[in-house]
């Protein structure tokens, strides 16, 4: 295990965070600060998706009744999403993990 991974693991354990080291490492690289990453990881981490568009679609299916009704009413149809807007609020790491901007 690298020194950085050990450091992140120690910080996470001290903060009482039970997190995937891969996701925490990706988040720390994104925010650029290990202490901040550990402090905000649980609020920022959304899960793992193949890409940000899949995450956006799933989020809308869960939270937007009109979107869900439109998609369910037209089988096989998936609306075009404004991914630039989603990228302002969320980050999709190359490892597949999605984080909300805080």
C-alpha atoms as a PDB file:
ATOM      1  CA  UNK A   1       0.000   0.000   0.000  1.00  0.00           C
ATOM      2  CA  UNK A   2       1.379   3.407  -0.909  1.00  0.00           C
ATOM      3  CA  UNK A   3       2.051   6.096   1.689  1.00  0.00           C
ATOM      4  CA  UNK A   4      -0.823   8.157   0.264  1.00  0.00           C
ATOM      5  CA  UNK A   5      -3.222   5.229   0.538  1.00  0.00           C
ATOM      6  CA  UNK A   6      -2.032   4.535   4.084  1.00  0.00           C
ATOM      7  CA  UNK A   7      -2.489   8.208   4.987  1.00  0.00           C
ATOM      8  CA  UNK A   8      -6.023   8.279   3.555  1.00  0.00           C
ATOM      9  CA  UNK A   9      -6.865   5.033   5.323  1.00  0.00           C
ATOM     10  CA  UNK A  10      -5.605   6.410   8.630  1.00  0.00           C
ATOM     11  CA  UNK A  11      -7.571   9.647   8.183  1.00  0.00           C
ATOM     12  CA  UNK A  12     -10.738   7.723   7.294  1.00  0.00           C
ATOM     13  CA  UNK A  13     -10.376   5.425  10.289  1.00  0.00           C
ATOM     14  CA  UNK A  14      -9.772   8.371  12.613  1.00  0.00           C
ATOM     15  CA  UNK A  15     -12.913  10.072  11.268  1.00  0.00           C
ATOM     16  CA  UNK A  16     -14.956   6.887  11.650  1.00  0.00           C
ATOM     17  CA  UNK A  17     -15.612   6.624   7.918  1.00  0.00           C
ATOM     18  CA  UNK A  18     -16.176   3.211   6.434  1.00  0.00           C
ATOM     19  CA  UNK A  19     -15.434   3.813   2.784  1.00  0.00           C
ATOM     20  CA  UNK A  20     -14.070   2.075  -0.238  1.00  0.00           C
ATOM     21  CA  UNK A  21     -10.443   3.077  -0.472  1.00  0.00           C
ATOM     22  CA  UNK A  22     -10.662   3.281  -4.276  1.00  0.00           C
ATOM     23  CA  UNK A  23     -13.577   5.752  -4.102  1.00  0.00           C
ATOM     24  CA  UNK A  24     -11.967   7.794  -1.336  1.00  0.00           C
ATOM     25  CA  UNK A  25      -8.689   7.938  -3.282  1.00  0.00           C
ATOM     26  CA  UNK A  26     -10.526   9.107  -6.421  1.00  0.00           C
ATOM     27  CA  UNK A  27     -12.325  11.789  -4.415  1.00  0.00           C
ATOM     28  CA  UNK A  28      -9.108  12.956  -2.740  1.00  0.00           C
ATOM     29  CA  UNK A  29      -7.468  13.273  -6.166  1.00  0.00           C
ATOM     30  CA  UNK A  30     -10.468  15.253  -7.415  1.00  0.00           C
ATOM     31  CA  UNK A  31     -10.612  17.732  -4.519  1.00  0.00           C
ATOM     32  CA  UNK A  32      -6.839  17.872  -4.052  1.00  0.00           C
ATOM     33  CA  UNK A  33      -6.866  17.684  -0.256  1.00  0.00           C
ATOM     34  CA  UNK A  34      -6.883  14.465   1.767  1.00  0.00           C
ATOM     35  CA  UNK A  35      -8.294  15.998   4.955  1.00  0.00           C
ATOM     36  CA  UNK A  36     -11.130  17.734   3.093  1.00  0.00           C
ATOM     37  CA  UNK A  37     -11.838  14.529   1.149  1.00  0.00           C
ATOM     38  CA  UNK A  38     -12.234  12.515   4.344  1.00  0.00           C
ATOM     39  CA  UNK A  39     -14.362  15.220   5.980  1.00  0.00           C
ATOM     40  CA  UNK A  40     -16.779  15.507   3.042  1.00  0.00           C
ATOM     41  CA  UNK A  41     -16.663  12.049   1.432  1.00  0.00           C
ATOM     42  CA  UNK A  42     -19.936  10.724   2.816  1.00  0.00           C
ATOM     43  CA  UNK A  43     -21.847  13.827   1.683  1.00  0.00           C
ATOM     44  CA  UNK A  44     -20.253  13.870  -1.763  1.00  0.00           C
ATOM     45  CA  UNK A  45     -20.206  10.180  -2.713  1.00  0.00           C
ATOM     46  CA  UNK A  46     -23.146   9.079  -4.864  1.00  0.00           C
ATOM     47  CA  UNK A  47     -22.055   5.594  -5.944  1.00  0.00           C
ATOM     48  CA  UNK A  48     -20.633   3.917  -9.017  1.00  0.00           C
ATOM     49  CA  UNK A  49     -21.952   4.173 -12.591  1.00  0.00           C
ATOM     50  CA  UNK A  50     -20.526   3.433 -16.034  1.00  0.00           C
ATOM     51  CA  UNK A  51     -20.792   7.106 -16.960  1.00  0.00           C
ATOM     52  CA  UNK A  52     -22.301  10.356 -15.752  1.00  0.00           C
ATOM     53  CA  UNK A  53     -25.227  10.103 -18.183  1.00  0.00           C
ATOM     54  CA  UNK A  54     -26.305   6.772 -16.648  1.00  0.00           C
ATOM     55  CA  UNK A  55     -26.127   8.378 -13.205  1.00  0.00           C
ATOM     56  CA  UNK A  56     -28.189  11.368 -14.383  1.00  0.00           C
ATOM     57  CA  UNK A  57     -30.820   9.117 -15.945  1.00  0.00           C
ATOM     58  CA  UNK A  58     -31.080   6.975 -12.791  1.00  0.00           C
ATOM     59  CA  UNK A  59     -31.294  10.070 -10.568  1.00  0.00           C
ATOM     60  CA  UNK A  60     -34.071  11.538 -12.710  1.00  0.00           C
ATOM     61  CA  UNK A  61     -35.960   8.234 -12.748  1.00  0.00           C
ATOM     62  CA  UNK A  62     -35.868   8.258  -8.920  1.00  0.00           C
ATOM     63  CA  UNK A  63     -36.725  11.901  -8.332  1.00  0.00           C
ATOM     64  CA  UNK A  64     -38.676  13.340 -11.280  1.00  0.00           C
ATOM     65  CA  UNK A  65     -42.189  11.951 -11.770  1.00  0.00           C
ATOM     66  CA  UNK A  66     -42.674  13.637 -15.167  1.00  0.00           C
ATOM     67  CA  UNK A  67     -39.363  12.329 -16.499  1.00  0.00           C
ATOM     68  CA  UNK A  68     -40.149   8.814 -15.268  1.00  0.00           C
ATOM     69  CA  UNK A  69     -43.644   8.885 -16.807  1.00  0.00           C
ATOM     70  CA  UNK A  70     -42.257  10.051 -20.173  1.00  0.00           C
ATOM     71  CA  UNK A  71     -39.573   7.361 -20.238  1.00  0.00           C
ATOM     72  CA  UNK A  72     -41.926   4.606 -19.093  1.00  0.00           C
ATOM     73  CA  UNK A  73     -44.559   5.720 -21.619  1.00  0.00           C
ATOM     74  CA  UNK A  74     -42.158   5.375 -24.552  1.00  0.00           C
ATOM     75  CA  UNK A  75     -40.307   2.087 -24.208  1.00  0.00           C
ATOM     76  CA  UNK A  76     -36.754   2.201 -25.467  1.00  0.00           C
ATOM     77  CA  UNK A  77     -36.720   6.001 -25.600  1.00  0.00           C
ATOM     78  CA  UNK A  78     -34.211   7.893 -23.535  1.00  0.00           C
ATOM     79  CA  UNK A  79     -34.212  11.694 -23.663  1.00  0.00           C
ATOM     80  CA  UNK A  80     -31.099  13.690 -24.457  1.00  0.00           C
ATOM     81  CA  UNK A  81     -29.779  15.213 -21.230  1.00  0.00           C
ATOM     82  CA  UNK A  82     -27.833  18.442 -20.835  1.00  0.00           C
ATOM     83  CA  UNK A  83     -24.650  16.812 -19.579  1.00  0.00           C
ATOM     84  CA  UNK A  84     -22.853  20.154 -19.251  1.00  0.00           C
ATOM     85  CA  UNK A  85     -25.298  21.103 -16.510  1.00  0.00           C
ATOM     86  CA  UNK A  86     -24.819  17.748 -14.775  1.00  0.00           C
ATOM     87  CA  UNK A  87     -21.022  18.134 -14.972  1.00  0.00           C
ATOM     88  CA  UNK A  88     -21.331  21.407 -13.065  1.00  0.00           C
ATOM     89  CA  UNK A  89     -22.840  19.561 -10.104  1.00  0.00           C
ATOM     90  CA  UNK A  90     -21.268  16.095 -10.318  1.00  0.00           C
ATOM     91  CA  UNK A  91     -17.901  14.540 -11.106  1.00  0.00           C
ATOM     92  CA  UNK A  92     -17.503  11.086 -12.671  1.00  0.00           C
ATOM     93  CA  UNK A  93     -14.071   9.593 -11.975  1.00  0.00           C
ATOM     94  CA  UNK A  94     -12.382   7.232 -14.419  1.00  0.00           C
ATOM     95  CA  UNK A  95     -12.891   4.499 -11.811  1.00  0.00           C
ATOM     96  CA  UNK A  96     -16.663   4.926 -12.218  1.00  0.00           C
ATOM     97  CA  UNK A  97     -17.341   6.679  -8.931  1.00  0.00           C
ATOM     98  CA  UNK A  98     -19.656   9.710  -8.934  1.00  0.00           C
ATOM     99  CA  UNK A  99     -19.282  12.608  -6.528  1.00  0.00           C
ATOM    100  CA  UNK A 100     -21.548  15.591  -5.917  1.00  0.00           C
ATOM    101  CA  UNK A 101     -19.871  18.990  -5.913  1.00  0.00           C
ATOM    102  CA  UNK A 102     -20.038  20.517  -2.448  1.00  0.00           C
END
